[in-house]
N, C-alpha and C. Protein backbone atom coordinates (compact mmCIF):
# COMPACT_ATOMS: atom_id res chain seq x y z
N UNK A 1 91.35 48.28 55.34
CA UNK A 1 92.72 48.44 54.92
C UNK A 1 92.78 49.41 53.75
N UNK A 2 93.63 50.42 53.86
CA UNK A 2 93.76 51.43 52.81
C UNK A 2 94.46 50.83 51.60
N UNK A 3 94.01 51.27 50.44
CA UNK A 3 94.59 50.80 49.18
C UNK A 3 95.35 51.95 48.53
N UNK A 4 96.52 51.65 47.99
CA UNK A 4 97.23 52.63 47.16
C UNK A 4 96.71 52.44 45.74
N UNK A 5 95.68 53.20 45.41
CA UNK A 5 94.95 53.02 44.16
C UNK A 5 95.84 53.19 42.94
N UNK A 6 95.61 52.32 41.96
CA UNK A 6 96.30 52.41 40.67
C UNK A 6 95.24 52.28 39.58
N UNK A 7 95.18 53.29 38.71
CA UNK A 7 94.18 53.30 37.63
C UNK A 7 94.35 52.13 36.69
N UNK A 8 93.24 51.70 36.12
CA UNK A 8 93.23 50.58 35.18
C UNK A 8 93.74 50.97 33.80
N UNK A 9 93.81 52.25 33.51
CA UNK A 9 94.23 52.71 32.19
C UNK A 9 93.02 53.13 31.37
N UNK A 10 93.28 53.66 30.19
CA UNK A 10 92.21 54.20 29.35
C UNK A 10 91.39 53.13 28.63
N UNK A 11 91.96 51.98 28.40
CA UNK A 11 91.27 50.95 27.62
C UNK A 11 90.23 50.20 28.44
N UNK A 12 90.49 49.96 29.70
CA UNK A 12 89.64 49.10 30.51
C UNK A 12 88.61 49.83 31.37
N UNK A 13 88.30 51.06 31.09
CA UNK A 13 87.34 51.81 31.90
C UNK A 13 85.95 51.19 31.80
N UNK A 14 85.13 51.45 32.82
CA UNK A 14 83.75 50.97 32.83
C UNK A 14 82.80 52.15 32.66
N UNK A 15 81.69 51.90 31.98
CA UNK A 15 80.70 52.95 31.74
C UNK A 15 79.66 52.92 32.86
N UNK A 16 79.59 54.02 33.59
CA UNK A 16 78.67 54.14 34.72
C UNK A 16 78.00 55.51 34.69
N UNK A 17 76.90 55.67 35.42
CA UNK A 17 76.27 56.99 35.49
C UNK A 17 77.20 58.01 36.14
N UNK A 18 77.25 59.18 35.55
CA UNK A 18 77.98 60.31 36.11
C UNK A 18 76.98 61.06 36.98
N UNK A 19 77.27 61.17 38.27
CA UNK A 19 76.31 61.78 39.18
C UNK A 19 76.79 63.13 39.67
N UNK A 20 75.84 64.02 39.85
CA UNK A 20 76.10 65.31 40.47
C UNK A 20 75.18 65.40 41.67
N UNK A 21 75.78 65.44 42.85
CA UNK A 21 75.05 65.49 44.12
C UNK A 21 74.01 64.36 44.19
N UNK A 22 74.46 63.15 43.90
CA UNK A 22 73.67 61.91 43.95
C UNK A 22 72.56 61.83 42.91
N UNK A 23 72.61 62.66 41.87
CA UNK A 23 71.62 62.60 40.80
C UNK A 23 72.33 62.15 39.52
N UNK A 24 71.97 60.97 38.97
CA UNK A 24 72.62 60.51 37.74
C UNK A 24 72.27 61.44 36.57
N UNK A 25 73.28 61.84 35.81
CA UNK A 25 73.08 62.77 34.71
C UNK A 25 73.26 62.07 33.37
N UNK A 26 74.43 61.55 33.11
CA UNK A 26 74.74 60.87 31.85
C UNK A 26 75.66 59.68 32.15
N UNK A 27 75.93 58.88 31.14
CA UNK A 27 76.91 57.80 31.28
C UNK A 27 78.28 58.32 30.87
N UNK A 28 79.30 57.98 31.66
CA UNK A 28 80.68 58.33 31.35
C UNK A 28 81.57 57.15 31.70
N UNK A 29 82.74 57.12 31.08
CA UNK A 29 83.67 56.04 31.40
C UNK A 29 84.45 56.42 32.66
N UNK A 30 84.48 55.49 33.60
CA UNK A 30 85.15 55.69 34.88
C UNK A 30 86.33 54.73 35.00
N UNK A 31 87.49 55.21 35.42
CA UNK A 31 88.58 54.29 35.72
C UNK A 31 88.31 53.60 37.06
N UNK A 32 88.95 52.47 37.24
CA UNK A 32 88.83 51.77 38.52
C UNK A 32 90.22 51.33 38.96
N UNK A 33 90.33 51.00 40.23
CA UNK A 33 91.60 50.57 40.81
C UNK A 33 91.82 49.10 40.47
N UNK A 34 93.00 48.78 39.95
CA UNK A 34 93.28 47.38 39.60
C UNK A 34 93.59 46.54 40.84
N UNK A 35 93.83 47.18 41.99
CA UNK A 35 94.12 46.43 43.22
C UNK A 35 92.85 46.05 43.97
N UNK A 36 91.95 47.02 44.17
CA UNK A 36 90.76 46.77 45.00
C UNK A 36 89.45 46.80 44.22
N UNK A 37 89.47 47.29 42.98
CA UNK A 37 88.26 47.34 42.17
C UNK A 37 87.38 48.55 42.40
N UNK A 38 87.79 49.47 43.26
CA UNK A 38 87.01 50.66 43.56
C UNK A 38 86.95 51.57 42.33
N UNK A 39 85.74 52.03 42.00
CA UNK A 39 85.55 52.92 40.86
C UNK A 39 85.87 54.34 41.29
N UNK A 40 86.62 55.05 40.44
CA UNK A 40 87.08 56.40 40.77
C UNK A 40 85.98 57.44 40.57
N UNK A 41 85.90 58.37 41.51
CA UNK A 41 85.01 59.52 41.39
C UNK A 41 85.64 60.48 40.38
N UNK A 42 84.99 60.70 39.24
CA UNK A 42 85.58 61.55 38.20
C UNK A 42 84.99 62.96 38.17
N UNK A 43 84.06 63.23 39.05
CA UNK A 43 83.41 64.54 39.06
C UNK A 43 84.27 65.62 39.68
N UNK A 44 83.79 66.83 39.61
CA UNK A 44 84.50 67.96 40.21
C UNK A 44 84.25 68.02 41.71
N UNK A 45 83.35 67.20 42.20
CA UNK A 45 82.98 67.16 43.61
C UNK A 45 83.93 66.22 44.36
N UNK A 46 85.20 66.60 44.43
CA UNK A 46 86.24 65.74 45.01
C UNK A 46 86.20 65.75 46.54
N UNK A 47 86.61 64.65 47.11
CA UNK A 47 86.68 64.54 48.57
C UNK A 47 87.73 65.50 49.13
N UNK A 48 87.47 66.00 50.33
CA UNK A 48 88.41 66.89 51.01
C UNK A 48 88.86 66.20 52.29
N UNK A 49 89.87 66.77 52.94
CA UNK A 49 90.41 66.17 54.14
C UNK A 49 89.53 66.40 55.37
N UNK A 50 89.80 65.64 56.40
CA UNK A 50 89.06 65.77 57.66
C UNK A 50 89.23 67.17 58.23
N UNK A 51 90.39 67.78 58.01
CA UNK A 51 90.65 69.12 58.53
C UNK A 51 89.64 70.15 58.06
N UNK A 52 89.15 70.01 56.84
CA UNK A 52 88.13 70.92 56.31
C UNK A 52 86.89 70.91 57.20
N UNK A 53 86.48 69.72 57.60
CA UNK A 53 85.27 69.58 58.41
C UNK A 53 85.52 69.97 59.86
N UNK A 54 86.72 69.73 60.37
CA UNK A 54 87.05 70.16 61.73
C UNK A 54 87.07 71.68 61.79
N UNK A 55 87.61 72.33 60.76
CA UNK A 55 87.59 73.80 60.71
C UNK A 55 86.17 74.33 60.65
N UNK A 56 85.31 73.68 59.87
CA UNK A 56 83.90 74.10 59.80
C UNK A 56 83.23 73.95 61.15
N UNK A 57 83.52 72.86 61.84
CA UNK A 57 82.96 72.64 63.17
C UNK A 57 83.47 73.67 64.16
N UNK A 58 84.74 74.00 64.07
CA UNK A 58 85.32 75.02 64.95
C UNK A 58 84.65 76.38 64.74
N UNK A 59 84.44 76.76 63.49
CA UNK A 59 83.75 78.02 63.18
C UNK A 59 82.32 77.99 63.71
N UNK A 60 81.67 76.86 63.57
CA UNK A 60 80.30 76.71 64.05
C UNK A 60 80.23 76.91 65.56
N UNK A 61 81.17 76.29 66.27
CA UNK A 61 81.18 76.38 67.73
C UNK A 61 81.49 77.79 68.20
N UNK A 62 82.40 78.48 67.52
CA UNK A 62 82.74 79.85 67.90
C UNK A 62 81.56 80.79 67.72
N UNK A 63 80.90 80.69 66.58
CA UNK A 63 79.83 81.63 66.27
C UNK A 63 78.53 81.31 67.00
N UNK A 64 78.27 80.02 67.24
CA UNK A 64 77.03 79.65 67.93
C UNK A 64 77.20 79.58 69.44
N UNK A 65 78.45 79.69 69.91
CA UNK A 65 78.77 79.65 71.35
C UNK A 65 78.12 78.44 72.03
N UNK A 66 78.51 77.27 71.58
CA UNK A 66 77.95 76.03 72.10
C UNK A 66 78.67 75.60 73.38
N UNK A 67 77.93 75.30 74.46
CA UNK A 67 78.57 74.88 75.71
C UNK A 67 79.08 73.43 75.63
N UNK A 68 80.19 73.14 76.30
CA UNK A 68 80.76 71.80 76.33
C UNK A 68 81.21 71.31 74.97
N UNK A 69 81.60 72.25 74.15
CA UNK A 69 81.86 71.89 72.75
C UNK A 69 83.20 71.20 72.53
N UNK A 70 84.18 71.44 73.38
CA UNK A 70 85.50 70.83 73.14
C UNK A 70 85.44 69.31 73.23
N UNK A 71 84.64 68.79 74.14
CA UNK A 71 84.51 67.33 74.27
C UNK A 71 83.77 66.76 73.07
N UNK A 72 82.68 67.40 72.70
CA UNK A 72 81.90 66.93 71.56
C UNK A 72 82.68 67.06 70.26
N UNK A 73 83.48 68.12 70.17
CA UNK A 73 84.30 68.32 68.97
C UNK A 73 85.30 67.17 68.82
N UNK A 74 85.88 66.76 69.92
CA UNK A 74 86.83 65.64 69.89
C UNK A 74 86.12 64.34 69.49
N UNK A 75 84.90 64.14 69.98
CA UNK A 75 84.14 62.94 69.61
C UNK A 75 83.82 62.93 68.11
N UNK A 76 83.46 64.09 67.57
CA UNK A 76 83.18 64.20 66.14
C UNK A 76 84.45 63.91 65.34
N UNK A 77 85.58 64.50 65.77
CA UNK A 77 86.85 64.29 65.07
C UNK A 77 87.23 62.81 65.07
N UNK A 78 87.07 62.15 66.20
CA UNK A 78 87.41 60.73 66.30
C UNK A 78 86.52 59.89 65.38
N UNK A 79 85.24 60.24 65.35
CA UNK A 79 84.31 59.48 64.51
C UNK A 79 84.64 59.66 63.03
N UNK A 80 85.01 60.88 62.64
CA UNK A 80 85.41 61.13 61.24
C UNK A 80 86.68 60.37 60.90
N UNK A 81 87.64 60.35 61.82
CA UNK A 81 88.90 59.64 61.58
C UNK A 81 88.70 58.14 61.49
N UNK A 82 87.68 57.61 62.17
CA UNK A 82 87.44 56.17 62.17
C UNK A 82 86.72 55.68 60.92
N UNK A 83 86.19 56.58 60.10
CA UNK A 83 85.57 56.18 58.85
C UNK A 83 86.70 55.88 57.86
N UNK A 84 86.80 54.65 57.45
CA UNK A 84 87.98 54.16 56.71
C UNK A 84 88.25 54.93 55.42
N UNK A 85 87.27 55.12 54.59
CA UNK A 85 87.49 55.73 53.28
C UNK A 85 87.02 57.18 53.21
N UNK A 86 86.96 57.87 54.34
CA UNK A 86 86.40 59.22 54.36
C UNK A 86 87.18 60.19 53.48
N UNK A 87 88.49 60.08 53.43
CA UNK A 87 89.32 60.99 52.63
C UNK A 87 89.73 60.39 51.28
N UNK A 88 89.15 59.27 50.92
CA UNK A 88 89.52 58.56 49.70
C UNK A 88 88.88 59.22 48.48
N UNK A 89 89.71 59.75 47.58
CA UNK A 89 89.20 60.40 46.37
C UNK A 89 88.54 59.43 45.41
N UNK A 90 88.84 58.16 45.52
CA UNK A 90 88.23 57.18 44.63
C UNK A 90 86.77 56.94 45.01
N UNK A 91 86.53 56.65 46.27
CA UNK A 91 85.21 56.18 46.66
C UNK A 91 84.29 57.24 47.24
N UNK A 92 84.80 58.41 47.57
CA UNK A 92 83.99 59.39 48.29
C UNK A 92 83.95 60.71 47.53
N UNK A 93 82.77 61.30 47.48
CA UNK A 93 82.63 62.65 46.92
C UNK A 93 82.47 63.62 48.09
N UNK A 94 82.64 64.89 47.82
CA UNK A 94 82.48 65.88 48.88
C UNK A 94 81.04 65.89 49.38
N UNK A 95 80.10 65.69 48.47
CA UNK A 95 78.69 65.65 48.86
C UNK A 95 78.42 64.50 49.83
N UNK A 96 78.99 63.33 49.56
CA UNK A 96 78.83 62.19 50.46
C UNK A 96 79.50 62.47 51.80
N UNK A 97 80.65 63.15 51.78
CA UNK A 97 81.32 63.53 53.02
C UNK A 97 80.45 64.50 53.82
N UNK A 98 79.84 65.46 53.14
CA UNK A 98 78.98 66.43 53.83
C UNK A 98 77.79 65.74 54.48
N UNK A 99 77.17 64.78 53.78
CA UNK A 99 76.05 64.05 54.37
C UNK A 99 76.48 63.29 55.61
N UNK A 100 77.64 62.65 55.55
CA UNK A 100 78.16 61.91 56.70
C UNK A 100 78.47 62.86 57.85
N UNK A 101 79.10 63.98 57.55
CA UNK A 101 79.44 64.98 58.57
C UNK A 101 78.18 65.51 59.25
N UNK A 102 77.18 65.84 58.48
CA UNK A 102 75.93 66.36 59.05
C UNK A 102 75.28 65.32 59.96
N UNK A 103 75.30 64.06 59.54
CA UNK A 103 74.73 62.99 60.36
C UNK A 103 75.46 62.88 61.70
N UNK A 104 76.79 62.99 61.67
CA UNK A 104 77.58 62.91 62.90
C UNK A 104 77.33 64.13 63.78
N UNK A 105 77.27 65.32 63.20
CA UNK A 105 77.03 66.54 63.97
C UNK A 105 75.68 66.48 64.66
N UNK A 106 74.67 66.01 63.94
CA UNK A 106 73.32 65.92 64.52
C UNK A 106 73.27 64.90 65.66
N UNK A 107 74.19 63.96 65.65
CA UNK A 107 74.26 62.96 66.71
C UNK A 107 74.73 63.59 68.03
N UNK A 108 75.64 64.56 67.95
CA UNK A 108 76.23 65.16 69.15
C UNK A 108 75.69 66.55 69.48
N UNK A 109 75.13 67.24 68.52
CA UNK A 109 74.65 68.60 68.73
C UNK A 109 73.18 68.69 68.32
N UNK A 110 72.47 69.62 68.90
CA UNK A 110 71.08 69.86 68.53
C UNK A 110 71.04 71.08 67.60
N UNK A 111 71.55 70.89 66.38
CA UNK A 111 71.64 71.98 65.41
C UNK A 111 70.90 71.55 64.15
N UNK A 112 70.04 72.42 63.59
CA UNK A 112 69.34 72.07 62.35
C UNK A 112 70.32 71.90 61.18
N UNK A 113 69.93 71.05 60.25
CA UNK A 113 70.79 70.72 59.11
C UNK A 113 71.13 71.95 58.26
N UNK A 114 70.19 72.84 58.07
CA UNK A 114 70.44 74.02 57.23
C UNK A 114 71.50 74.93 57.83
N UNK A 115 71.59 74.98 59.16
CA UNK A 115 72.63 75.79 59.81
C UNK A 115 74.00 75.13 59.63
N UNK A 116 74.04 73.82 59.75
CA UNK A 116 75.30 73.09 59.54
C UNK A 116 75.79 73.32 58.12
N UNK A 117 74.89 73.27 57.15
CA UNK A 117 75.27 73.44 55.74
C UNK A 117 75.83 74.82 55.45
N UNK A 118 75.45 75.82 56.22
CA UNK A 118 75.98 77.17 56.02
C UNK A 118 77.48 77.24 56.28
N UNK A 119 78.00 76.36 57.10
CA UNK A 119 79.42 76.37 57.45
C UNK A 119 80.26 75.49 56.53
N UNK A 120 79.62 74.77 55.62
CA UNK A 120 80.36 73.88 54.71
C UNK A 120 80.64 74.54 53.38
């Protein structure tokens, strides 16, 4: 169930590691949602919409000329849409989205990870 996140305010923040691409760097105060308790991603690595990844997949298919790609593209799109918090700025970073996207692409296509990353 999606939450309409509401920040806890400046006084009640929690101190957690500030991570850059899954590497903890320093401790920073993070706001959290008073409804669901989800800690907000405060980094510059913000989550993007599903459309960003569908466009990347479309470019990949055009340039690599992959056969039967329209069916697989639809399966990838459906799988991305079914991930509940995929576009949630609170719980997801772009790096986490990219890892999830690469895992899904590798499930349907026989493409090396480094090639997929070139389109992101």
